[in-house]
Structures are given as structure tokens and as C-alpha cells.
């Protein structure tokens, strides 16, 4: 059996310097979220959100909102 990782959603902040994304790792329908800094071209390793359904940026680069699933 092949376990796939699917990109679910991708959102950019206001100045397009950050990308928020959700992934379905192993096709389990349990989403993991992360943030990529487009200026430094790196995924922020200290931000990993488990069991979420949505992710959005607030204003600027400092605030994100997300919805956890039960």
C-alpha cells in the first residue's frame, strides 16, 4: 500500500512573504499545518499544527489563526 501526502490548502499573507499550508500525511484526513517563510525560503520547523481543518493569516507576519478538529 502506498501512503501519499496531499497538499490540502495553501494561503499567503498580505505581503506574500509567508505561506501557510495544510497537508494530509498518509491520506488519513487528519491535516497537519505549517508555515513557509518565502524570504528565507524555509519551512519554519518550530510551527507544526496537528489535527487542524483551516489556517489563515492575520495582518502581517506575526499572527495566524487555525481551527482544530475534534
Protein backbone atom coordinates (compact mmCIF):
# COMPACT_ATOMS: atom_id res chain seq x y z
CA UNK A 1 0.00 0.00 0.00
CA UNK A 2 1.38 3.42 -0.97
CA UNK A 3 0.98 6.19 1.63
CA UNK A 4 0.52 9.54 -0.05
CA UNK A 5 0.93 13.06 1.25
CA UNK A 6 -1.53 15.51 -0.24
CA UNK A 7 -1.42 19.31 -0.10
CA UNK A 8 -4.89 20.38 1.07
CA UNK A 9 -4.83 24.20 1.30
CA UNK A 10 -2.30 26.98 0.65
CA UNK A 11 -2.75 30.58 1.88
CA UNK A 12 -0.44 33.62 1.54
CA UNK A 13 -0.13 36.53 3.94
CA UNK A 14 -0.80 40.14 2.86
CA UNK A 15 2.70 40.92 1.60
CA UNK A 16 3.26 37.43 0.11
CA UNK A 17 6.30 36.80 2.31
CA UNK A 18 4.77 33.78 4.11
CA UNK A 19 2.75 30.76 3.01
CA UNK A 20 0.55 28.70 5.32
CA UNK A 21 -0.31 25.19 4.19
CA UNK A 22 -2.17 22.10 5.32
CA UNK A 23 -1.09 18.57 4.44
CA UNK A 24 -2.86 15.23 4.64
CA UNK A 25 0.04 12.93 5.51
CA UNK A 26 -0.68 9.30 4.63
CA UNK A 27 -4.16 10.10 3.28
CA UNK A 28 -5.64 9.89 6.80
CA UNK A 29 -7.88 13.00 6.53
CA UNK A 30 -6.10 14.40 9.64
CA UNK A 31 -4.46 17.62 8.50
CA UNK A 32 -1.11 18.98 9.61
CA UNK A 33 -0.35 22.67 9.12
CA UNK A 34 2.88 24.56 8.62
CA UNK A 35 4.35 27.89 7.57
CA UNK A 36 6.97 28.66 4.93
CA UNK A 37 8.98 31.89 5.00
CA UNK A 38 9.32 32.87 1.35
CA UNK A 39 12.04 35.48 2.05
CA UNK A 40 14.41 32.89 3.57
CA UNK A 41 12.95 30.00 1.51
CA UNK A 42 12.50 27.73 4.54
CA UNK A 43 9.69 25.93 6.32
CA UNK A 44 9.51 27.10 9.95
CA UNK A 45 10.33 23.96 11.91
CA UNK A 46 9.04 25.33 15.23
CA UNK A 47 5.48 25.68 13.84
CA UNK A 48 3.67 22.40 13.26
CA UNK A 49 -0.08 22.31 13.82
CA UNK A 50 -1.70 18.89 14.20
CA UNK A 51 -5.36 17.98 13.58
CA UNK A 52 -6.49 21.25 12.03
CA UNK A 53 -9.08 21.94 9.37
CA UNK A 54 -8.29 25.53 8.36
CA UNK A 55 -5.45 28.03 8.60
CA UNK A 56 -5.42 31.79 7.89
CA UNK A 57 -3.05 34.71 8.39
CA UNK A 58 -3.89 37.80 10.42
CA UNK A 59 -2.27 41.06 9.37
CA UNK A 60 1.46 40.96 8.69
CA UNK A 61 3.80 38.12 9.59
CA UNK A 62 3.07 37.67 13.29
CA UNK A 63 -0.45 36.20 13.55
CA UNK A 64 -2.05 33.01 12.27
CA UNK A 65 -5.47 31.61 13.02
CA UNK A 66 -6.37 27.95 12.79
CA UNK A 67 -9.28 25.65 13.58
CA UNK A 68 -8.59 22.42 15.46
CA UNK A 69 -10.68 19.33 14.78
CA UNK A 70 -12.06 17.02 17.47
